[in-house]
Protein backbone atom coordinates (compact mmCIF):
# COMPACT_ATOMS: atom_id res chain seq x y z
CA MET A 1 46.89 42.62 74.96
CA LYS A 2 43.54 42.10 73.26
CA ALA A 3 40.02 41.96 74.61
CA TYR A 4 38.72 38.43 74.67
CA ALA A 5 35.46 37.61 76.41
CA GLN A 6 33.54 40.61 77.64
CA GLY A 7 35.57 42.21 80.41
CA VAL A 8 38.34 39.61 80.14
CA ALA A 9 41.56 40.58 78.33
CA GLU A 10 44.12 38.20 76.88
CA VAL A 11 47.73 38.61 77.99
CA THR A 12 50.95 37.09 76.66
CA ASP A 13 54.43 36.30 77.95
CA GLU A 14 55.48 39.73 76.65
CA ASP A 15 52.95 41.85 78.54
CA PHE A 16 52.31 39.63 81.60
CA GLY A 17 54.63 41.71 83.79
CA ALA A 18 52.97 45.02 82.96
CA GLU A 19 49.37 43.79 82.84
CA VAL A 20 49.41 41.38 85.81
CA LEU A 21 52.44 41.87 88.04
CA GLY A 22 52.30 45.66 87.82
CA ALA A 23 48.53 46.00 88.26
CA GLU A 24 47.09 48.00 91.13
CA LEU A 25 44.07 45.73 91.60
CA PRO A 26 44.34 42.01 92.31
CA VAL A 27 44.39 40.14 88.99
CA LEU A 28 42.82 36.73 88.39
CA VAL A 29 44.69 34.97 85.57
CA LYS A 30 42.96 32.12 83.77
CA PHE A 31 45.58 29.77 82.31
CA THR A 32 43.67 28.31 79.37
CA ALA A 33 43.92 26.49 76.04
CA GLU A 34 41.74 26.43 72.92
CA TRP A 35 41.25 22.66 73.24
CA CYS A 36 40.14 22.82 76.89
CA GLY A 37 36.41 22.20 77.35
CA PRO A 38 36.22 23.23 81.03
CA CYS A 39 38.09 26.43 80.09
CA ARG A 40 35.30 27.30 77.66
CA GLN A 41 32.69 26.59 80.35
CA LEU A 42 34.45 29.05 82.64
CA THR A 43 34.50 31.89 80.07
CA PRO A 44 30.96 33.24 80.72
CA VAL A 45 31.42 32.81 84.49
CA LEU A 46 34.59 34.92 84.44
CA ALA A 47 33.02 37.50 82.11
CA ALA A 48 30.15 37.93 84.58
CA ILE A 49 32.52 38.25 87.54
CA ALA A 50 34.70 40.71 85.59
CA ALA A 51 31.64 42.91 84.98
CA GLU A 52 30.28 42.69 88.53
CA GLU A 53 33.58 43.00 90.41
CA ALA A 54 35.47 45.40 88.13
CA GLU A 55 36.30 47.71 91.03
CA ARG A 56 37.79 44.89 93.13
CA ILE A 57 39.54 42.52 90.69
CA ARG A 58 40.77 42.43 87.10
CA ILE A 59 40.43 39.22 85.07
CA VAL A 60 42.72 38.18 82.23
CA GLU A 61 43.54 34.96 80.47
CA ILE A 62 46.69 33.53 78.96
CA ASP A 63 46.97 30.68 76.45
CA VAL A 64 49.29 28.01 77.86
CA ASP A 65 50.26 26.69 74.43
CA ARG A 66 51.33 30.07 73.04
CA ASN A 67 52.83 31.43 76.29
CA GLN A 68 54.91 28.64 77.77
CA GLU A 69 57.39 30.88 79.58
CA THR A 70 54.75 32.24 81.97
CA THR A 71 53.02 28.85 82.24
CA VAL A 72 56.26 27.15 83.32
CA ARG A 73 57.30 30.02 85.62
CA TYR A 74 54.15 29.56 87.71
CA GLY A 75 54.11 25.76 87.60
CA VAL A 76 50.80 25.44 85.78
CA LEU A 77 50.23 21.76 84.98
CA ALA A 78 46.48 21.68 84.25
CA THR A 79 43.88 23.84 82.54
CA PRO A 80 41.99 25.73 83.60
CA THR A 81 44.15 27.01 86.41
CA LEU A 82 43.04 30.26 87.99
CA MET A 83 45.75 32.17 89.79
CA VAL A 84 45.20 35.40 91.69
CA PHE A 85 48.08 37.88 91.82
CA ARG A 86 48.29 40.72 94.31
CA ALA A 87 51.19 43.19 94.31
CA GLY A 88 53.04 41.05 91.77
CA GLU A 89 52.83 37.81 93.76
CA PRO A 90 50.55 34.79 93.34
CA VAL A 91 48.31 34.61 96.42
CA LYS A 92 45.78 31.92 95.43
CA ALA A 93 45.49 29.12 92.88
CA ILE A 94 42.37 27.20 91.88
CA VAL A 95 42.47 24.28 89.45
CA GLY A 96 39.36 23.36 87.48
CA ALA A 97 36.10 24.98 86.47
CA ARG A 98 33.64 26.19 89.11
CA PRO A 99 30.09 27.53 89.10
CA LYS A 100 30.00 31.29 89.63
CA ARG A 101 28.70 31.19 93.22
CA ARG A 102 31.38 28.73 94.35
CA LEU A 103 34.14 30.63 92.57
CA LEU A 104 33.07 33.91 94.17
CA ALA A 105 33.07 32.22 97.58
CA GLU A 106 36.62 30.94 96.98
CA LEU A 107 37.74 34.41 95.85
CA GLU A 108 36.14 36.27 98.73
CA GLU A 109 39.32 36.33 100.83
CA VAL A 110 41.33 37.99 98.04
CA LEU A 111 38.51 40.39 97.20
CA ALA A 112 38.10 41.57 100.80
């Protein structure tokens, strides 16, 4: 796992289980790709949320091109897909980029 954007770590097929499924906090996973413009737009939004909500949620990203096993396992067909995991299970999925305020509103139920 390596640090990517500020407060957002990058995970891989190899460490997804330990970093996401085994995490104590809910984890928001950004399924992303280098060629994805909306994914890049979402990077500063997620970095800000990661900094502000560090006690309530952890944010990581995974490259869909380099980590196809995890991408296929969770049925990700578009980027960016944001998936929130709690206690090892996906509890919410959001497809597409969002402004920070709207994304926080959509995440409120899993942050509560």
